Amino acid sequence: MKDPVIHFHRGDLPDDVQFSNVIGVDTETMGLNLYRDPLCVVQLSDGDGEAHVVQLDRQTYDAPNLKAVLGDQSRIKIFHYARFDVAVIRQYLDTECTPVYCTRTVSRLVRTYTDRHGLRECCRDLLRVDINKQQQSTDWGAEDLSDAQLLYAATDVLHLHKLKAKMDMMLERAGRTELAQKCFDFIPVRAELDALGWGSQDLFEH
């Protein structure tokens, strides 16, 4: 694979950036607690080998162009573990990020032969691509992001379109396409429950 083209933006997407109707999206935060750990970075890709990495202003979160893209109901947003990303986008950008497609959810539906559903494992097993996750635990709140951080952020969205294409075929083969869509439709509700404090509880258990 050739080196990706990474576009770095501070605060918001530029006015002239255009995306298709299916985009890969990921977020970087200071941790996994929605209230304690702020959203720092949002990265997006059309799956064309280019990625846009937006470092947010955590004082204002004033990013109208980014919010417009994420909240556009005509665009499918592909995530890996959409439950967290949708919740954190809702919490800090006050944006309902729908409709969504979650590759981790699909992995659990169709790759029942394994318990390894991380992005790295999915890319390696389905696309024969080995991605580097060394920057996963790093300071995303730093004023200046390193080249390694930018590459990591970009890599997390560059393969989502190809994963979706592969997983769509696996869903069809398994007869679980409709079931997957029902799961996607529920993700924003699950994210809202997380934000309201029901993150660790199964409301449907006895």
N, C-alpha and C. Protein backbone atom coordinates (compact mmCIF):
# COMPACT_ATOMS: atom_id res chain seq x y z
N MET A 1 0.84 -1.19 0.00
CA MET A 1 0.00 0.00 0.00
C MET A 1 0.88 1.25 0.00
N LYS A 2 0.55 2.22 -0.83
CA LYS A 2 1.33 3.46 -0.89
C LYS A 2 1.04 4.30 0.35
N ASP A 3 1.95 5.22 0.63
CA ASP A 3 1.79 6.07 1.81
C ASP A 3 0.51 6.89 1.70
N PRO A 4 -0.24 6.99 2.80
CA PRO A 4 -1.48 7.77 2.75
C PRO A 4 -1.20 9.27 2.66
N VAL A 5 -2.18 9.99 2.15
CA VAL A 5 -2.12 11.45 2.14
C VAL A 5 -2.91 11.93 3.36
N ILE A 6 -2.23 12.64 4.25
CA ILE A 6 -2.86 13.08 5.49
C ILE A 6 -3.02 14.60 5.48
N HIS A 7 -4.25 15.05 5.63
CA HIS A 7 -4.55 16.48 5.70
C HIS A 7 -4.84 16.82 7.17
N PHE A 8 -4.04 17.68 7.75
CA PHE A 8 -4.21 18.05 9.15
C PHE A 8 -4.89 19.41 9.27
N HIS A 9 -5.90 19.47 10.12
CA HIS A 9 -6.66 20.71 10.30
C HIS A 9 -6.80 21.01 11.79
N ARG A 10 -6.61 22.26 12.16
CA ARG A 10 -6.83 22.69 13.54
C ARG A 10 -8.22 23.31 13.67
N GLY A 11 -8.99 22.82 14.60
CA GLY A 11 -10.28 23.42 14.93
C GLY A 11 -11.46 22.91 14.14
N ASP A 12 -11.33 22.79 12.82
CA ASP A 12 -12.48 22.41 12.00
C ASP A 12 -12.00 21.99 10.61
N LEU A 13 -12.89 21.36 9.86
CA LEU A 13 -12.63 21.08 8.45
C LEU A 13 -12.70 22.38 7.66
N PRO A 14 -11.87 22.54 6.64
CA PRO A 14 -12.00 23.71 5.77
C PRO A 14 -13.32 23.70 5.02
N ASP A 15 -13.74 24.86 4.56
CA ASP A 15 -15.01 24.97 3.84
C ASP A 15 -15.05 24.17 2.54
N ASP A 16 -13.89 23.98 1.91
CA ASP A 16 -13.88 23.39 0.58
C ASP A 16 -13.68 21.87 0.57
N VAL A 17 -13.62 21.23 1.74
CA VAL A 17 -13.45 19.78 1.78
C VAL A 17 -14.77 19.09 1.45
N GLN A 18 -14.73 18.17 0.52
CA GLN A 18 -15.92 17.44 0.09
C GLN A 18 -15.77 15.96 0.41
N PHE A 19 -16.87 15.32 0.80
CA PHE A 19 -16.88 13.89 1.08
C PHE A 19 -18.00 13.21 0.30
N SER A 20 -17.86 11.91 0.11
CA SER A 20 -18.89 11.13 -0.55
C SER A 20 -20.00 10.80 0.44
N ASN A 21 -20.91 9.91 0.04
CA ASN A 21 -22.03 9.59 0.92
C ASN A 21 -21.72 8.44 1.87
N VAL A 22 -20.47 7.92 1.84
CA VAL A 22 -20.02 6.91 2.80
C VAL A 22 -18.64 7.31 3.26
N ILE A 23 -18.48 7.60 4.55
CA ILE A 23 -17.18 8.04 5.07
C ILE A 23 -16.76 7.19 6.26
N GLY A 24 -15.46 6.97 6.36
CA GLY A 24 -14.90 6.33 7.53
C GLY A 24 -14.60 7.37 8.58
N VAL A 25 -14.94 7.08 9.84
CA VAL A 25 -14.76 8.05 10.93
C VAL A 25 -14.19 7.35 12.16
N ASP A 26 -13.32 8.07 12.87
CA ASP A 26 -12.81 7.58 14.14
C ASP A 26 -12.55 8.78 15.04
N THR A 27 -12.38 8.54 16.32
CA THR A 27 -12.10 9.61 17.28
C THR A 27 -10.91 9.23 18.15
N GLU A 28 -10.25 10.24 18.67
CA GLU A 28 -9.20 10.05 19.67
C GLU A 28 -9.55 10.90 20.88
N THR A 29 -9.46 10.30 22.07
CA THR A 29 -9.80 10.98 23.31
C THR A 29 -8.67 10.82 24.32
N MET A 30 -8.83 11.45 25.46
CA MET A 30 -7.83 11.33 26.52
C MET A 30 -8.03 10.07 27.36
N GLY A 31 -9.06 9.32 27.07
CA GLY A 31 -9.36 8.09 27.80
C GLY A 31 -10.71 7.56 27.38
N LEU A 32 -11.29 6.67 28.17
CA LEU A 32 -12.53 6.02 27.77
C LEU A 32 -13.72 6.41 28.65
N ASN A 33 -13.55 7.44 29.49
CA ASN A 33 -14.64 7.94 30.30
C ASN A 33 -15.26 9.15 29.61
N LEU A 34 -16.55 9.05 29.28
CA LEU A 34 -17.19 10.10 28.49
C LEU A 34 -17.16 11.46 29.17
N TYR A 35 -17.25 11.49 30.49
CA TYR A 35 -17.31 12.75 31.21
C TYR A 35 -15.94 13.28 31.60
N ARG A 36 -15.02 12.39 31.87
CA ARG A 36 -13.71 12.80 32.36
C ARG A 36 -12.72 13.09 31.24
N ASP A 37 -12.81 12.32 30.16
CA ASP A 37 -11.75 12.30 29.14
C ASP A 37 -12.24 12.97 27.85
N PRO A 38 -11.76 14.17 27.56
CA PRO A 38 -12.31 14.94 26.44
C PRO A 38 -11.96 14.37 25.07
N LEU A 39 -12.82 14.67 24.13
CA LEU A 39 -12.57 14.39 22.72
C LEU A 39 -11.50 15.34 22.20
N CYS A 40 -10.49 14.80 21.54
CA CYS A 40 -9.37 15.61 21.06
C CYS A 40 -9.28 15.68 19.54
N VAL A 41 -9.53 14.56 18.87
CA VAL A 41 -9.30 14.45 17.43
C VAL A 41 -10.43 13.67 16.79
N VAL A 42 -10.84 14.11 15.61
CA VAL A 42 -11.74 13.33 14.76
C VAL A 42 -11.07 13.19 13.40
N GLN A 43 -11.04 11.97 12.90
CA GLN A 43 -10.44 11.73 11.60
C GLN A 43 -11.47 11.09 10.66
N LEU A 44 -11.37 11.47 9.38
CA LEU A 44 -12.34 11.03 8.38
C LEU A 44 -11.62 10.64 7.09
N SER A 45 -12.23 9.70 6.35
CA SER A 45 -11.68 9.31 5.05
C SER A 45 -12.78 8.84 4.13
N ASP A 46 -12.59 9.11 2.85
CA ASP A 46 -13.48 8.59 1.81
C ASP A 46 -13.06 7.20 1.35
N GLY A 47 -12.00 6.66 1.94
CA GLY A 47 -11.51 5.36 1.52
C GLY A 47 -10.67 5.41 0.28
N ASP A 48 -10.17 6.61 -0.04
CA ASP A 48 -9.41 6.82 -1.27
C ASP A 48 -7.91 6.99 -1.03
N GLY A 49 -7.45 6.57 0.16
CA GLY A 49 -6.05 6.73 0.48
C GLY A 49 -5.71 8.06 1.11
N GLU A 50 -6.73 8.91 1.33
CA GLU A 50 -6.52 10.19 1.97
C GLU A 50 -7.32 10.25 3.27
N ALA A 51 -6.77 10.96 4.24
CA ALA A 51 -7.45 11.12 5.52
C ALA A 51 -7.37 12.57 5.97
N HIS A 52 -8.45 13.02 6.59
CA HIS A 52 -8.50 14.36 7.17
C HIS A 52 -8.52 14.21 8.69
N VAL A 53 -7.52 14.77 9.34
CA VAL A 53 -7.39 14.68 10.79
C VAL A 53 -7.64 16.06 11.39
N VAL A 54 -8.69 16.15 12.19
CA VAL A 54 -9.10 17.44 12.78
C VAL A 54 -8.76 17.44 14.26
N GLN A 55 -7.85 18.33 14.66
CA GLN A 55 -7.54 18.53 16.07
C GLN A 55 -8.48 19.61 16.60
N LEU A 56 -9.33 19.23 17.53
CA LEU A 56 -10.41 20.12 17.99
C LEU A 56 -9.93 21.13 19.02
N ASP A 57 -10.61 22.27 19.04
CA ASP A 57 -10.41 23.26 20.09
C ASP A 57 -11.25 22.83 21.28
N ARG A 58 -10.60 22.33 22.33
CA ARG A 58 -11.35 21.76 23.45
C ARG A 58 -11.95 22.82 24.36
N GLN A 59 -11.67 24.07 24.10
CA GLN A 59 -12.30 25.15 24.87
C GLN A 59 -13.70 25.45 24.36
N THR A 60 -13.89 25.31 23.06
CA THR A 60 -15.17 25.69 22.46
C THR A 60 -15.88 24.57 21.69
N TYR A 61 -15.10 23.64 21.15
CA TYR A 61 -15.63 22.61 20.25
C TYR A 61 -16.47 23.24 19.14
N ASP A 62 -16.03 24.39 18.69
CA ASP A 62 -16.73 25.11 17.63
C ASP A 62 -16.20 24.63 16.29
N ALA A 63 -16.88 23.64 15.71
CA ALA A 63 -16.44 23.04 14.46
C ALA A 63 -17.65 22.81 13.55
N PRO A 64 -18.25 23.88 13.03
CA PRO A 64 -19.50 23.74 12.27
C PRO A 64 -19.39 22.87 11.03
N ASN A 65 -18.27 22.93 10.32
CA ASN A 65 -18.13 22.12 9.11
C ASN A 65 -18.06 20.63 9.46
N LEU A 66 -17.28 20.30 10.47
CA LEU A 66 -17.18 18.91 10.91
C LEU A 66 -18.52 18.41 11.41
N LYS A 67 -19.19 19.20 12.20
CA LYS A 67 -20.50 18.80 12.73
C LYS A 67 -21.51 18.58 11.61
N ALA A 68 -21.43 19.40 10.58
CA ALA A 68 -22.36 19.25 9.45
C ALA A 68 -22.13 17.93 8.73
N VAL A 69 -20.87 17.55 8.56
CA VAL A 69 -20.56 16.28 7.89
C VAL A 69 -21.02 15.10 8.75
N LEU A 70 -20.69 15.14 10.04
CA LEU A 70 -21.04 14.03 10.92
C LEU A 70 -22.54 13.90 11.13
N GLY A 71 -23.25 15.01 11.11
CA GLY A 71 -24.68 14.98 11.33
C GLY A 71 -25.52 14.83 10.08
N ASP A 72 -24.87 14.74 8.93
CA ASP A 72 -25.58 14.64 7.65
C ASP A 72 -26.25 13.27 7.54
N GLN A 73 -27.58 13.26 7.54
CA GLN A 73 -28.33 12.01 7.49
C GLN A 73 -28.22 11.28 6.15
N SER A 74 -27.70 11.94 5.14
CA SER A 74 -27.54 11.30 3.83
C SER A 74 -26.22 10.55 3.72
N ARG A 75 -25.36 10.67 4.73
CA ARG A 75 -24.05 10.01 4.70
C ARG A 75 -24.01 8.88 5.72
N ILE A 76 -23.56 7.71 5.27
CA ILE A 76 -23.28 6.61 6.19
C ILE A 76 -21.90 6.83 6.79
N LYS A 77 -21.81 6.73 8.11
CA LYS A 77 -20.54 6.87 8.81
C LYS A 77 -20.08 5.48 9.25
N ILE A 78 -18.93 5.04 8.75
CA ILE A 78 -18.38 3.74 9.12
C ILE A 78 -17.45 3.92 10.32
N PHE A 79 -17.70 3.17 11.37
CA PHE A 79 -16.85 3.19 12.56
C PHE A 79 -16.37 1.77 12.87
N HIS A 80 -15.35 1.68 13.67
CA HIS A 80 -15.02 0.42 14.33
C HIS A 80 -15.23 0.64 15.82
N TYR A 81 -16.27 0.04 16.35
CA TYR A 81 -16.80 0.25 17.69
C TYR A 81 -17.52 1.60 17.74
N ALA A 82 -18.58 1.67 16.98
CA ALA A 82 -19.37 2.90 16.86
C ALA A 82 -20.01 3.31 18.18
N ARG A 83 -20.26 2.36 19.05
CA ARG A 83 -20.91 2.68 20.33
C ARG A 83 -20.16 3.79 21.06
N PHE A 84 -18.85 3.70 21.14
CA PHE A 84 -18.07 4.72 21.85
C PHE A 84 -17.98 6.01 21.04
N ASP A 85 -17.65 5.90 19.76
CA ASP A 85 -17.45 7.10 18.94
C ASP A 85 -18.72 7.93 18.84
N VAL A 86 -19.85 7.28 18.64
CA VAL A 86 -21.11 8.00 18.54
C VAL A 86 -21.43 8.70 19.86
N ALA A 87 -21.14 8.04 20.97
CA ALA A 87 -21.40 8.63 22.29
C ALA A 87 -20.51 9.85 22.54
N VAL A 88 -19.23 9.74 22.20
CA VAL A 88 -18.31 10.85 22.48
C VAL A 88 -18.57 12.03 21.54
N ILE A 89 -18.98 11.76 20.31
CA ILE A 89 -19.35 12.84 19.39
C ILE A 89 -20.60 13.54 19.89
N ARG A 90 -21.54 12.77 20.38
CA ARG A 90 -22.76 13.36 20.95
C ARG A 90 -22.42 14.21 22.17
N GLN A 91 -21.52 13.71 23.02
CA GLN A 91 -21.20 14.38 24.27
C GLN A 91 -20.48 15.70 24.06
N TYR A 92 -19.51 15.72 23.13
CA TYR A 92 -18.65 16.91 23.00
C TYR A 92 -18.99 17.80 21.80
N LEU A 93 -19.53 17.22 20.75
CA LEU A 93 -19.88 18.02 19.57
C LEU A 93 -21.37 18.27 19.47
N ASP A 94 -22.14 17.69 20.39
CA ASP A 94 -23.60 17.87 20.40
C ASP A 94 -24.19 17.55 19.04
N THR A 95 -23.75 16.43 18.49
CA THR A 95 -24.16 16.03 17.14
C THR A 95 -24.63 14.58 17.13
N GLU A 96 -25.81 14.35 16.54
CA GLU A 96 -26.33 12.99 16.38
C GLU A 96 -25.70 12.40 15.13
N CYS A 97 -24.82 11.48 15.32
CA CYS A 97 -24.02 10.93 14.22
C CYS A 97 -24.70 9.68 13.66
N THR A 98 -25.64 9.87 12.78
CA THR A 98 -26.36 8.76 12.15
C THR A 98 -26.55 9.08 10.67
N PRO A 99 -26.77 8.05 9.84
CA PRO A 99 -26.74 6.61 10.13
C PRO A 99 -25.31 6.09 10.25
N VAL A 100 -25.18 4.93 10.91
CA VAL A 100 -23.85 4.38 11.15
C VAL A 100 -23.74 2.95 10.65
N TYR A 101 -22.50 2.54 10.45
CA TYR A 101 -22.15 1.16 10.14
C TYR A 101 -20.97 0.84 11.04
N CYS A 102 -21.04 -0.26 11.78
CA CYS A 102 -19.98 -0.59 12.73
C CYS A 102 -19.29 -1.90 12.34
N THR A 103 -18.03 -1.82 11.95
CA THR A 103 -17.30 -3.02 11.53
C THR A 103 -17.05 -3.97 12.70
N ARG A 104 -16.92 -3.46 13.90
CA ARG A 104 -16.73 -4.35 15.05
C ARG A 104 -18.00 -5.15 15.32
N THR A 105 -19.15 -4.50 15.21
CA THR A 105 -20.41 -5.20 15.38
C THR A 105 -20.56 -6.31 14.34
N VAL A 106 -20.24 -5.99 13.09
CA VAL A 106 -20.33 -7.00 12.04
C VAL A 106 -19.36 -8.14 12.31
N SER A 107 -18.17 -7.81 12.76
CA SER A 107 -17.19 -8.85 13.06
C SER A 107 -17.76 -9.84 14.07
N ARG A 108 -18.44 -9.32 15.08
CA ARG A 108 -19.03 -10.21 16.09
C ARG A 108 -20.17 -11.05 15.52
N LEU A 109 -20.83 -10.53 14.50
CA LEU A 109 -21.94 -11.27 13.89
C LEU A 109 -21.48 -12.34 12.92
N VAL A 110 -20.36 -12.11 12.24
CA VAL A 110 -19.96 -13.05 11.17
C VAL A 110 -18.66 -13.77 11.46
N ARG A 111 -17.81 -13.23 12.32
CA ARG A 111 -16.55 -13.90 12.65
C ARG A 111 -16.69 -14.59 14.00
N THR A 112 -17.68 -15.48 14.07
CA THR A 112 -17.97 -16.17 15.32
C THR A 112 -16.95 -17.25 15.65
N TYR A 113 -16.01 -17.44 14.76
CA TYR A 113 -14.94 -18.42 14.97
C TYR A 113 -13.78 -17.85 15.77
N THR A 114 -13.87 -16.59 16.17
CA THR A 114 -12.80 -15.95 16.91
C THR A 114 -13.36 -15.00 17.95
N ASP A 115 -12.56 -14.70 18.97
CA ASP A 115 -12.96 -13.68 19.95
C ASP A 115 -12.12 -12.42 19.80
N ARG A 116 -11.41 -12.31 18.69
CA ARG A 116 -10.54 -11.17 18.43
C ARG A 116 -11.18 -10.28 17.37
N HIS A 117 -11.78 -9.18 17.82
CA HIS A 117 -12.56 -8.34 16.92
C HIS A 117 -12.01 -6.91 16.84
N GLY A 118 -10.78 -6.71 17.25
CA GLY A 118 -10.18 -5.39 17.13
C GLY A 118 -9.93 -5.01 15.68
N LEU A 119 -9.72 -3.73 15.44
CA LEU A 119 -9.49 -3.26 14.07
C LEU A 119 -8.25 -3.91 13.47
N ARG A 120 -7.20 -4.04 14.26
CA ARG A 120 -5.98 -4.64 13.75
C ARG A 120 -6.22 -6.07 13.31
N GLU A 121 -6.95 -6.84 14.12
CA GLU A 121 -7.22 -8.24 13.77
C GLU A 121 -8.11 -8.33 12.54
N CYS A 122 -9.11 -7.48 12.44
CA CYS A 122 -10.01 -7.51 11.28
C CYS A 122 -9.26 -7.16 10.00
N CYS A 123 -8.42 -6.13 10.07
CA CYS A 123 -7.65 -5.75 8.88
C CYS A 123 -6.67 -6.85 8.47
N ARG A 124 -6.03 -7.45 9.45
CA ARG A 124 -5.06 -8.50 9.15
C ARG A 124 -5.74 -9.74 8.56
N ASP A 125 -6.85 -10.15 9.16
CA ASP A 125 -7.49 -11.40 8.75
C ASP A 125 -8.29 -11.26 7.46
N LEU A 126 -8.93 -10.11 7.27
CA LEU A 126 -9.83 -9.96 6.12
C LEU A 126 -9.18 -9.23 4.94
N LEU A 127 -8.24 -8.33 5.22
CA LEU A 127 -7.64 -7.53 4.16
C LEU A 127 -6.16 -7.84 3.94
N ARG A 128 -5.59 -8.67 4.83
CA ARG A 128 -4.15 -8.98 4.77
C ARG A 128 -3.32 -7.70 4.92
N VAL A 129 -3.79 -6.81 5.77
CA VAL A 129 -3.11 -5.55 6.05
C VAL A 129 -2.77 -5.53 7.54
N ASP A 130 -1.53 -5.26 7.86
CA ASP A 130 -1.11 -5.19 9.26
C ASP A 130 -0.94 -3.73 9.66
N ILE A 131 -1.81 -3.25 10.52
CA ILE A 131 -1.75 -1.85 10.94
C ILE A 131 -1.04 -1.74 12.29
N ASN A 132 -0.37 -0.63 12.49
CA ASN A 132 0.41 -0.39 13.69
C ASN A 132 -0.44 0.35 14.72
N LYS A 133 -0.58 -0.23 15.92
CA LYS A 133 -1.40 0.38 16.97
C LYS A 133 -0.55 0.94 18.12
N GLN A 134 0.73 1.20 17.87
CA GLN A 134 1.62 1.64 18.94
C GLN A 134 1.21 2.99 19.53
N GLN A 135 0.58 3.85 18.74
CA GLN A 135 0.21 5.18 19.23
C GLN A 135 -1.17 5.23 19.88
N GLN A 136 -1.77 4.05 20.08
CA GLN A 136 -3.12 4.03 20.65
C GLN A 136 -3.15 4.67 22.03
N SER A 137 -2.19 4.32 22.87
CA SER A 137 -2.10 4.88 24.21
C SER A 137 -1.05 5.99 24.21
N THR A 138 -1.47 7.15 23.81
CA THR A 138 -0.56 8.28 23.71
C THR A 138 -1.32 9.55 24.08
N ASP A 139 -0.62 10.65 24.20
CA ASP A 139 -1.24 11.90 24.66
C ASP A 139 -1.90 12.64 23.50
N TRP A 140 -3.19 12.38 23.31
CA TRP A 140 -3.91 13.04 22.23
C TRP A 140 -4.31 14.47 22.58
N GLY A 141 -4.07 14.85 23.83
CA GLY A 141 -4.34 16.22 24.22
C GLY A 141 -3.17 17.15 24.04
N ALA A 142 -2.07 16.65 23.50
CA ALA A 142 -0.88 17.47 23.28
C ALA A 142 -1.19 18.61 22.33
N GLU A 143 -0.54 19.74 22.53
CA GLU A 143 -0.77 20.90 21.66
C GLU A 143 -0.33 20.61 20.24
N ASP A 144 0.78 19.90 20.09
CA ASP A 144 1.29 19.54 18.76
C ASP A 144 1.33 18.03 18.64
N LEU A 145 0.61 17.50 17.68
CA LEU A 145 0.60 16.06 17.44
C LEU A 145 1.80 15.66 16.61
N SER A 146 2.37 14.52 16.93
CA SER A 146 3.54 14.04 16.21
C SER A 146 3.13 13.42 14.88
N ASP A 147 4.11 13.25 14.00
CA ASP A 147 3.85 12.58 12.72
C ASP A 147 3.34 11.16 12.96
N ALA A 148 3.87 10.50 13.98
CA ALA A 148 3.43 9.14 14.29
C ALA A 148 1.97 9.12 14.73
N GLN A 149 1.57 10.11 15.51
CA GLN A 149 0.17 10.19 15.91
C GLN A 149 -0.75 10.45 14.73
N LEU A 150 -0.34 11.34 13.84
CA LEU A 150 -1.16 11.64 12.67
C LEU A 150 -1.30 10.41 11.78
N LEU A 151 -0.21 9.65 11.61
CA LEU A 151 -0.27 8.44 10.80
C LEU A 151 -1.17 7.41 11.45
N TYR A 152 -1.08 7.27 12.75
CA TYR A 152 -1.95 6.34 13.47
C TYR A 152 -3.41 6.72 13.27
N ALA A 153 -3.72 8.00 13.48
CA ALA A 153 -5.11 8.46 13.35
C ALA A 153 -5.63 8.20 11.94
N ALA A 154 -4.81 8.48 10.94
CA ALA A 154 -5.22 8.26 9.55
C ALA A 154 -5.44 6.78 9.27
N THR A 155 -4.53 5.95 9.76
CA THR A 155 -4.62 4.52 9.49
C THR A 155 -5.91 3.93 10.02
N ASP A 156 -6.42 4.47 11.11
CA ASP A 156 -7.64 3.93 11.70
C ASP A 156 -8.89 4.13 10.84
N VAL A 157 -8.82 5.00 9.83
CA VAL A 157 -9.99 5.21 8.97
C VAL A 157 -9.74 4.81 7.51
N LEU A 158 -8.51 4.61 7.13
CA LEU A 158 -8.20 4.38 5.71
C LEU A 158 -8.72 3.05 5.19
N HIS A 159 -8.92 2.07 6.07
CA HIS A 159 -9.30 0.73 5.62
C HIS A 159 -10.77 0.39 5.87
N LEU A 160 -11.53 1.32 6.43
CA LEU A 160 -12.89 1.00 6.84
C LEU A 160 -13.81 0.69 5.65
N HIS A 161 -13.61 1.37 4.53
CA HIS A 161 -14.45 1.10 3.36
C HIS A 161 -14.22 -0.32 2.83
N LYS A 162 -12.96 -0.73 2.76
CA LYS A 162 -12.66 -2.08 2.28
C LYS A 162 -13.16 -3.14 3.26
N LEU A 163 -13.05 -2.84 4.55
CA LEU A 163 -13.61 -3.76 5.54
C LEU A 163 -15.12 -3.90 5.37
N LYS A 164 -15.79 -2.77 5.17
CA LYS A 164 -17.23 -2.80 4.98
C LYS A 164 -17.61 -3.66 3.77
N ALA A 165 -16.90 -3.50 2.67
CA ALA A 165 -17.21 -4.27 1.47
C ALA A 165 -17.04 -5.77 1.73
N LYS A 166 -15.97 -6.13 2.41
CA LYS A 166 -15.72 -7.54 2.73
C LYS A 166 -16.78 -8.06 3.69
N MET A 167 -17.10 -7.27 4.69
CA MET A 167 -18.05 -7.71 5.70
C MET A 167 -19.48 -7.77 5.16
N ASP A 168 -19.81 -6.89 4.23
CA ASP A 168 -21.13 -6.96 3.60
C ASP A 168 -21.33 -8.31 2.92
N MET A 169 -20.30 -8.80 2.26
CA MET A 169 -20.39 -10.11 1.60
C MET A 169 -20.54 -11.22 2.64
N MET A 170 -19.85 -11.10 3.76
CA MET A 170 -19.94 -12.11 4.81
C MET A 170 -21.32 -12.09 5.48
N LEU A 171 -21.88 -10.90 5.65
CA LEU A 171 -23.23 -10.79 6.20
C LEU A 171 -24.25 -11.44 5.28
N GLU A 172 -24.12 -11.18 3.99
CA GLU A 172 -25.04 -11.78 3.02
C GLU A 172 -24.93 -13.30 3.03
N ARG A 173 -23.71 -13.78 3.06
CA ARG A 173 -23.48 -15.23 3.09
C ARG A 173 -24.12 -15.88 4.31
N ALA A 174 -24.04 -15.17 5.45
CA ALA A 174 -24.57 -15.71 6.69
C ALA A 174 -26.07 -15.44 6.87
N GLY A 175 -26.65 -14.63 5.98
CA GLY A 175 -28.06 -14.28 6.12
C GLY A 175 -28.33 -13.35 7.28
N ARG A 176 -27.36 -12.48 7.59
CA ARG A 176 -27.49 -11.61 8.77
C ARG A 176 -27.43 -10.12 8.42
N THR A 177 -27.65 -9.78 7.17
CA THR A 177 -27.61 -8.37 6.77
C THR A 177 -28.68 -7.56 7.48
N GLU A 178 -29.90 -8.06 7.52
CA GLU A 178 -31.00 -7.35 8.18
C GLU A 178 -30.74 -7.24 9.68
N LEU A 179 -30.21 -8.29 10.28
CA LEU A 179 -29.91 -8.26 11.70
C LEU A 179 -28.84 -7.21 12.01
N ALA A 180 -27.84 -7.12 11.14
CA ALA A 180 -26.78 -6.12 11.33
C ALA A 180 -27.37 -4.72 11.27
N GLN A 181 -28.27 -4.47 10.33
CA GLN A 181 -28.87 -3.14 10.21
C GLN A 181 -29.66 -2.78 11.46
N LYS A 182 -30.34 -3.75 12.04
CA LYS A 182 -31.07 -3.49 13.27
C LYS A 182 -30.11 -3.12 14.40
N CYS A 183 -28.96 -3.77 14.41
CA CYS A 183 -27.94 -3.42 15.41
C CYS A 183 -27.44 -2.00 15.19
N PHE A 184 -27.17 -1.64 13.93
CA PHE A 184 -26.70 -0.28 13.62
C PHE A 184 -27.73 0.76 14.06
N ASP A 185 -29.00 0.46 13.81
CA ASP A 185 -30.06 1.41 14.15
C ASP A 185 -30.14 1.62 15.66
N PHE A 186 -29.75 0.60 16.44
CA PHE A 186 -29.83 0.70 17.90
C PHE A 186 -28.61 1.39 18.51
N ILE A 187 -27.51 1.46 17.78
CA ILE A 187 -26.27 2.00 18.35
C ILE A 187 -26.44 3.41 18.92
N PRO A 188 -27.10 4.35 18.25
CA PRO A 188 -27.28 5.67 18.86
C PRO A 188 -28.04 5.62 20.19
N VAL A 189 -28.99 4.69 20.32
CA VAL A 189 -29.71 4.54 21.58
C VAL A 189 -28.77 3.99 22.65
N ARG A 190 -27.96 3.00 22.28
CA ARG A 190 -26.98 2.44 23.21
C ARG A 190 -25.99 3.52 23.65
N ALA A 191 -25.58 4.36 22.72
CA ALA A 191 -24.65 5.44 23.03
C ALA A 191 -25.29 6.45 23.97
N GLU A 192 -26.57 6.73 23.77
CA GLU A 192 -27.27 7.67 24.66
C GLU A 192 -27.37 7.08 26.07
N LEU A 193 -27.65 5.78 26.16
CA LEU A 193 -27.69 5.12 27.46
C LEU A 193 -26.34 5.22 28.16
N ASP A 194 -25.26 5.03 27.41
CA ASP A 194 -23.92 5.17 27.97
C ASP A 194 -23.73 6.57 28.55
N ALA A 195 -24.13 7.56 27.79
CA ALA A 195 -23.94 8.95 28.21
C ALA A 195 -24.78 9.29 29.43
N LEU A 196 -25.89 8.58 29.62
CA LEU A 196 -26.79 8.86 30.75
C LEU A 196 -26.49 8.00 31.97
N GLY A 197 -25.45 7.14 31.87
CA GLY A 197 -25.03 6.39 33.05
C GLY A 197 -25.38 4.93 33.08
N TRP A 198 -25.98 4.40 32.02
CA TRP A 198 -26.32 2.98 31.96
C TRP A 198 -25.30 2.18 31.15
N GLY A 199 -24.06 2.65 31.11
CA GLY A 199 -23.06 2.01 30.26
C GLY A 199 -22.77 0.57 30.58
N SER A 200 -22.72 0.21 31.86
CA SER A 200 -22.32 -1.14 32.24
C SER A 200 -23.51 -2.05 32.51
N GLN A 201 -24.71 -1.56 32.31
CA GLN A 201 -25.90 -2.36 32.63
C GLN A 201 -26.61 -2.86 31.38
N ASP A 202 -27.11 -4.08 31.45
CA ASP A 202 -27.96 -4.63 30.39
C ASP A 202 -29.39 -4.46 30.83
N LEU A 203 -30.10 -3.52 30.22
CA LEU A 203 -31.47 -3.22 30.62
C LEU A 203 -32.43 -4.36 30.32
N PHE A 204 -31.99 -5.33 29.51
CA PHE A 204 -32.88 -6.41 29.10
C PHE A 204 -32.69 -7.68 29.91
N GLU A 205 -31.69 -7.69 30.81
CA GLU A 205 -31.49 -8.91 31.59
C GLU A 205 -32.55 -9.00 32.68
N HIS A 206 -32.73 -10.21 33.20
CA HIS A 206 -33.76 -10.47 34.21
C HIS A 206 -33.39 -9.77 35.51
